[in-house]
Amino acid sequence: MKKSQIWSFDFVISVVIFIIVVITLLFTLEYTSTQANEHVNINRMERTALLISDSLIRSPGVPESWNISTVEIIGLAKEENVLNETKVAFLLNLTNEQIKTLLGIEAYNFYIELRNSNNETLEVDGKPIIKGDYPSNAHFVIPVERVVLFGNTISKLLLILWI
């Protein structure tokens, strides 16, 4: 009778250890999977932010002489890395939702700001050149800063994508 009890006790201990190991492996697998997905999302956001910033500072947009009612693709360049003040003013008059749609970033929030070399926000037509929402309580934040020429002044275009 004692042998039977010892065997069942050993069996219960083995099952408990097995369950603990399996649960630990499942949690580890879930954590690793989550980390991999976050890494993929960050890489995707980085590529998107770089592509958008390139498009904004290197392309005049579509059509080339776009305005608020005709814009199909936003581009702010007169020539590569030289921004057109009129197009920057048009950008400020678009809604955030219009900008997200035109840039193809509906899944992300964005923030665009143009600063001078002293990190002061530049203005066009008396309005600060800021568009979008600054990241707050964000899970992922991808900033891209590009050097441009705006109104004969060396400036920085800051683009932040965030979720």
C-alpha atoms as a PDB file:
ATOM      1  CA  MET A   1       0.000   0.000   0.000  1.00  0.00           C
ATOM      2  CA  LYS A   2       2.837   2.410   0.780  1.00  0.00           C
ATOM      3  CA  LYS A   3       4.459   1.834  -2.595  1.00  0.00           C
ATOM      4  CA  SER A   4       1.262   2.818  -4.345  1.00  0.00           C
ATOM      5  CA  GLN A   5       1.016   6.049  -2.359  1.00  0.00           C
ATOM      6  CA  ILE A   6       4.628   6.944  -3.047  1.00  0.00           C
ATOM      7  CA  TRP A   7       4.160   6.311  -6.735  1.00  0.00           C
ATOM      8  CA  SER A   8       1.053   8.546  -6.921  1.00  0.00           C
ATOM      9  CA  PHE A   9       2.869  11.251  -4.927  1.00  0.00           C
ATOM     10  CA  ASP A  10       5.806  11.072  -7.387  1.00  0.00           C
ATOM     11  CA  PHE A  11       3.361  11.234 -10.273  1.00  0.00           C
ATOM     12  CA  VAL A  12       1.626  14.342  -8.870  1.00  0.00           C
ATOM     13  CA  ILE A  13       4.972  16.076  -8.320  1.00  0.00           C
ATOM     14  CA  SER A  14       6.030  15.208 -11.890  1.00  0.00           C
ATOM     15  CA  VAL A  15       2.787  16.558 -13.327  1.00  0.00           C
ATOM     16  CA  VAL A  16       3.118  19.793 -11.320  1.00  0.00           C
ATOM     17  CA  ILE A  17       6.717  20.273 -12.498  1.00  0.00           C
ATOM     18  CA  PHE A  18       5.677  19.517 -16.087  1.00  0.00           C
ATOM     19  CA  ILE A  19       2.834  22.061 -15.926  1.00  0.00           C
ATOM     20  CA  ILE A  20       5.155  24.717 -14.481  1.00  0.00           C
ATOM     21  CA  VAL A  21       7.698  24.125 -17.258  1.00  0.00           C
ATOM     22  CA  VAL A  22       5.004  24.256 -19.964  1.00  0.00           C
ATOM     23  CA  ILE A  23       3.496  27.461 -18.547  1.00  0.00           C
ATOM     24  CA  THR A  24       6.951  29.057 -18.326  1.00  0.00           C
ATOM     25  CA  LEU A  25       7.662  28.107 -21.935  1.00  0.00           C
ATOM     26  CA  LEU A  26       4.319  29.522 -23.087  1.00  0.00           C
ATOM     27  CA  PHE A  27       4.924  32.848 -21.319  1.00  0.00           C
ATOM     28  CA  THR A  28       8.436  33.015 -22.771  1.00  0.00           C
ATOM     29  CA  LEU A  29       7.116  32.291 -26.253  1.00  0.00           C
ATOM     30  CA  GLU A  30       4.404  34.943 -25.895  1.00  0.00           C
ATOM     31  CA  TYR A  31       6.922  37.528 -24.661  1.00  0.00           C
ATOM     32  CA  THR A  32       9.329  36.745 -27.519  1.00  0.00           C
ATOM     33  CA  SER A  33       6.507  36.956 -30.051  1.00  0.00           C
ATOM     34  CA  THR A  34       5.367  40.324 -28.665  1.00  0.00           C
ATOM     35  CA  GLN A  35       8.913  41.689 -28.782  1.00  0.00           C
ATOM     36  CA  ALA A  36       9.330  40.527 -32.390  1.00  0.00           C
ATOM     37  CA  ASN A  37       6.035  42.158 -33.414  1.00  0.00           C
ATOM     38  CA  GLU A  38       7.030  45.424 -31.747  1.00  0.00           C
ATOM     39  CA  HIS A  39      10.375  45.338 -33.563  1.00  0.00           C
ATOM     40  CA  VAL A  40       8.588  44.811 -36.901  1.00  0.00           C
ATOM     41  CA  ASN A  41       6.217  47.720 -36.138  1.00  0.00           C
ATOM     42  CA  ILE A  42       9.091  50.020 -35.214  1.00  0.00           C
ATOM     43  CA  ASN A  43      10.976  49.139 -38.410  1.00  0.00           C
ATOM     44  CA  ARG A  44       7.850  49.745 -40.502  1.00  0.00           C
ATOM     45  CA  MET A  45       7.282  53.119 -38.822  1.00  0.00           C
ATOM     46  CA  GLU A  46      10.938  54.119 -39.329  1.00  0.00           C
ATOM     47  CA  ARG A  47      10.767  53.314 -43.059  1.00  0.00           C
ATOM     48  CA  THR A  48       7.472  55.178 -43.380  1.00  0.00           C
ATOM     49  CA  ALA A  49       8.808  58.246 -41.550  1.00  0.00           C
ATOM     50  CA  LEU A  50      11.917  58.350 -43.750  1.00  0.00           C
ATOM     51  CA  LEU A  51       9.877  57.952 -46.943  1.00  0.00           C
ATOM     52  CA  ILE A  52       7.451  60.689 -45.914  1.00  0.00           C
ATOM     53  CA  SER A  53      10.195  63.113 -44.914  1.00  0.00           C
ATOM     54  CA  ASP A  54      11.974  62.435 -48.237  1.00  0.00           C
ATOM     55  CA  SER A  55       8.755  63.050 -50.126  1.00  0.00           C
ATOM     56  CA  LEU A  56       8.070  66.294 -48.286  1.00  0.00           C
ATOM     57  CA  ILE A  57      11.511  67.855 -48.797  1.00  0.00           C
ATOM     58  CA  ARG A  58      12.453  66.447 -52.228  1.00  0.00           C
ATOM     59  CA  SER A  59       9.187  66.496 -54.168  1.00  0.00           C
ATOM     60  CA  PRO A  60       6.954  69.377 -55.221  1.00  0.00           C
ATOM     61  CA  GLY A  61       3.936  67.096 -54.819  1.00  0.00           C
ATOM     62  CA  VAL A  62       1.202  66.101 -57.246  1.00  0.00           C
ATOM     63  CA  PRO A  63       0.149  68.111 -59.099  1.00  0.00           C
ATOM     64  CA  GLU A  64       3.368  70.084 -59.096  1.00  0.00           C
ATOM     65  CA  SER A  65       1.593  73.393 -58.441  1.00  0.00           C
ATOM     66  CA  TRP A  66      -0.926  71.964 -55.958  1.00  0.00           C
ATOM     67  CA  ASN A  67      -3.141  73.938 -53.651  1.00  0.00           C
ATOM     68  CA  ILE A  68      -5.560  72.930 -50.893  1.00  0.00           C
ATOM     69  CA  SER A  69      -8.297  71.848 -53.299  1.00  0.00           C
ATOM     70  CA  THR A  70      -6.118  70.110 -55.940  1.00  0.00           C
ATOM     71  CA  VAL A  71      -3.541  68.268 -53.857  1.00  0.00           C
ATOM     72  CA  GLU A  72      -3.159  64.541 -54.502  1.00  0.00           C
ATOM     73  CA  ILE A  73       0.281  64.015 -52.961  1.00  0.00           C
ATOM     74  CA  ILE A  74       1.841  66.489 -50.551  1.00  0.00           C
ATOM     75  CA  GLY A  75       5.304  67.740 -51.434  1.00  0.00           C
ATOM     76  CA  LEU A  76       6.828  70.951 -50.096  1.00  0.00           C
ATOM     77  CA  ALA A  77       9.940  71.313 -52.268  1.00  0.00           C
ATOM     78  CA  LYS A  78      10.769  74.004 -54.794  1.00  0.00           C
ATOM     79  CA  GLU A  79      13.829  71.936 -55.489  1.00  0.00           C
ATOM     80  CA  GLU A  80      15.521  69.224 -53.471  1.00  0.00           C
ATOM     81  CA  ASN A  81      15.805  70.287 -49.796  1.00  0.00           C
ATOM     82  CA  VAL A  82      14.515  73.801 -50.579  1.00  0.00           C
ATOM     83  CA  LEU A  83      10.976  74.338 -49.307  1.00  0.00           C
ATOM     84  CA  ASN A  84       8.312  76.381 -51.060  1.00  0.00           C
ATOM     85  CA  GLU A  85       6.776  78.853 -48.593  1.00  0.00           C
ATOM     86  CA  THR A  86       3.397  78.808 -50.362  1.00  0.00           C
ATOM     87  CA  LYS A  87       3.145  75.019 -50.118  1.00  0.00           C
ATOM     88  CA  VAL A  88       4.123  75.122 -46.452  1.00  0.00           C
ATOM     89  CA  ALA A  89       1.289  77.630 -45.906  1.00  0.00           C
ATOM     90  CA  PHE A  90      -1.083  75.298 -47.794  1.00  0.00           C
ATOM     91  CA  LEU A  91       0.016  72.427 -45.535  1.00  0.00           C
ATOM     92  CA  LEU A  92      -0.934  74.454 -42.472  1.00  0.00           C
ATOM     93  CA  ASN A  93      -4.436  74.962 -43.894  1.00  0.00           C
ATOM     94  CA  LEU A  94      -5.074  71.233 -44.418  1.00  0.00           C
ATOM     95  CA  THR A  95      -6.733  69.276 -41.617  1.00  0.00           C
ATOM     96  CA  ASN A  96      -4.776  66.600 -39.794  1.00  0.00           C
ATOM     97  CA  GLU A  97      -7.074  63.946 -41.283  1.00  0.00           C
ATOM     98  CA  GLN A  98      -6.471  65.256 -44.816  1.00  0.00           C
ATOM     99  CA  ILE A  99      -2.715  65.162 -44.242  1.00  0.00           C
ATOM    100  CA  LYS A 100      -2.834  61.626 -42.859  1.00  0.00           C
ATOM    101  CA  THR A 101      -4.852  60.468 -45.868  1.00  0.00           C
ATOM    102  CA  LEU A 102      -2.635  62.239 -48.413  1.00  0.00           C
ATOM    103  CA  LEU A 103       0.534  60.873 -46.787  1.00  0.00           C
ATOM    104  CA  GLY A 104      -0.957  57.383 -46.407  1.00  0.00           C
ATOM    105  CA  ILE A 105      -0.425  57.243 -42.648  1.00  0.00           C
ATOM    106  CA  GLU A 106      -3.962  56.748 -41.376  1.00  0.00           C
ATOM    107  CA  ALA A 107      -2.717  54.202 -38.822  1.00  0.00           C
ATOM    108  CA  TYR A 108      -0.336  56.692 -37.184  1.00  0.00           C
ATOM    109  CA  ASN A 109      -0.446  60.052 -35.484  1.00  0.00           C
ATOM    110  CA  PHE A 110       1.984  62.682 -36.718  1.00  0.00           C
ATOM    111  CA  TYR A 111       3.663  65.927 -35.777  1.00  0.00           C
ATOM    112  CA  ILE A 112       5.455  68.251 -38.215  1.00  0.00           C
ATOM    113  CA  GLU A 113       7.404  71.335 -37.177  1.00  0.00           C
ATOM    114  CA  LEU A 114       9.831  73.624 -38.975  1.00  0.00           C
ATOM    115  CA  ARG A 115      12.549  75.171 -36.794  1.00  0.00           C
ATOM    116  CA  ASN A 116      15.469  77.485 -37.433  1.00  0.00           C
ATOM    117  CA  SER A 117      19.051  76.722 -36.382  1.00  0.00           C
ATOM    118  CA  ASN A 118      18.305  78.159 -32.905  1.00  0.00           C
ATOM    119  CA  ASN A 119      15.473  75.610 -32.477  1.00  0.00           C
ATOM    120  CA  GLU A 120      12.816  78.332 -32.671  1.00  0.00           C
ATOM    121  CA  THR A 121       9.621  77.464 -34.506  1.00  0.00           C
ATOM    122  CA  LEU A 122       9.428  79.274 -37.836  1.00  0.00           C
ATOM    123  CA  GLU A 123       6.324  81.070 -39.052  1.00  0.00           C
ATOM    124  CA  VAL A 124       4.628  81.592 -42.387  1.00  0.00           C
ATOM    125  CA  ASP A 125       1.905  84.207 -42.833  1.00  0.00           C
ATOM    126  CA  GLY A 126       2.109  84.869 -39.079  1.00  0.00           C
ATOM    127  CA  LYS A 127       1.325  81.239 -38.158  1.00  0.00           C
ATOM    128  CA  PRO A 128       3.823  78.918 -36.491  1.00  0.00           C
ATOM    129  CA  ILE A 129       4.772  76.048 -38.774  1.00  0.00           C
ATOM    130  CA  ILE A 130       3.431  73.242 -36.614  1.00  0.00           C
ATOM    131  CA  LYS A 131       0.971  70.624 -37.776  1.00  0.00           C
ATOM    132  CA  GLY A 132      -0.353  67.513 -36.083  1.00  0.00           C
ATOM    133  CA  ASP A 133      -0.338  66.392 -32.475  1.00  0.00           C
ATOM    134  CA  TYR A 134       2.789  66.209 -30.363  1.00  0.00           C
ATOM    135  CA  PRO A 135       3.228  62.682 -28.934  1.00  0.00           C
ATOM    136  CA  SER A 136       1.611  62.145 -25.562  1.00  0.00           C
ATOM    137  CA  ASN A 137       1.136  58.759 -23.939  1.00  0.00           C
ATOM    138  CA  ALA A 138       2.641  57.200 -27.070  1.00  0.00           C
ATOM    139  CA  HIS A 139       3.620  53.554 -27.323  1.00  0.00           C
ATOM    140  CA  PHE A 140       6.034  54.035 -30.243  1.00  0.00           C
ATOM    141  CA  VAL A 141       7.619  57.362 -31.253  1.00  0.00           C
ATOM    142  CA  ILE A 142       9.730  57.723 -34.408  1.00  0.00           C
ATOM    143  CA  PRO A 143      11.307  61.177 -34.925  1.00  0.00           C
ATOM    144  CA  VAL A 144      13.025  62.199 -38.165  1.00  0.00           C
ATOM    145  CA  GLU A 145      14.842  65.495 -38.513  1.00  0.00           C
ATOM    146  CA  ARG A 146      15.895  66.797 -41.933  1.00  0.00           C
ATOM    147  CA  VAL A 147      17.949  69.877 -42.781  1.00  0.00           C
ATOM    148  CA  VAL A 148      16.270  72.119 -45.360  1.00  0.00           C
ATOM    149  CA  LEU A 149      16.423  75.623 -46.739  1.00  0.00           C
ATOM    150  CA  PHE A 150      13.339  77.701 -45.964  1.00  0.00           C
ATOM    151  CA  GLY A 151      13.201  81.354 -46.939  1.00  0.00           C
ATOM    152  CA  ASN A 152      17.001  81.487 -47.392  1.00  0.00           C
ATOM    153  CA  THR A 153      17.430  80.165 -43.850  1.00  0.00           C
ATOM    154  CA  ILE A 154      18.933  76.817 -42.949  1.00  0.00           C
ATOM    155  CA  SER A 155      16.173  75.077 -41.032  1.00  0.00           C
ATOM    156  CA  LYS A 156      15.161  71.701 -39.638  1.00  0.00           C
ATOM    157  CA  LEU A 157      12.016  69.851 -40.576  1.00  0.00           C
ATOM    158  CA  LEU A 158      10.948  67.655 -37.679  1.00  0.00           C
ATOM    159  CA  LEU A 159       8.565  64.815 -38.483  1.00  0.00           C
ATOM    160  CA  ILE A 160       7.363  62.522 -35.702  1.00  0.00           C
ATOM    161  CA  LEU A 161       5.229  59.455 -36.317  1.00  0.00           C
ATOM    162  CA  TRP A 162       3.692  57.893 -33.239  1.00  0.00           C
ATOM    163  CA  ILE A 163       1.123  55.433 -32.004  1.00  0.00           C
END
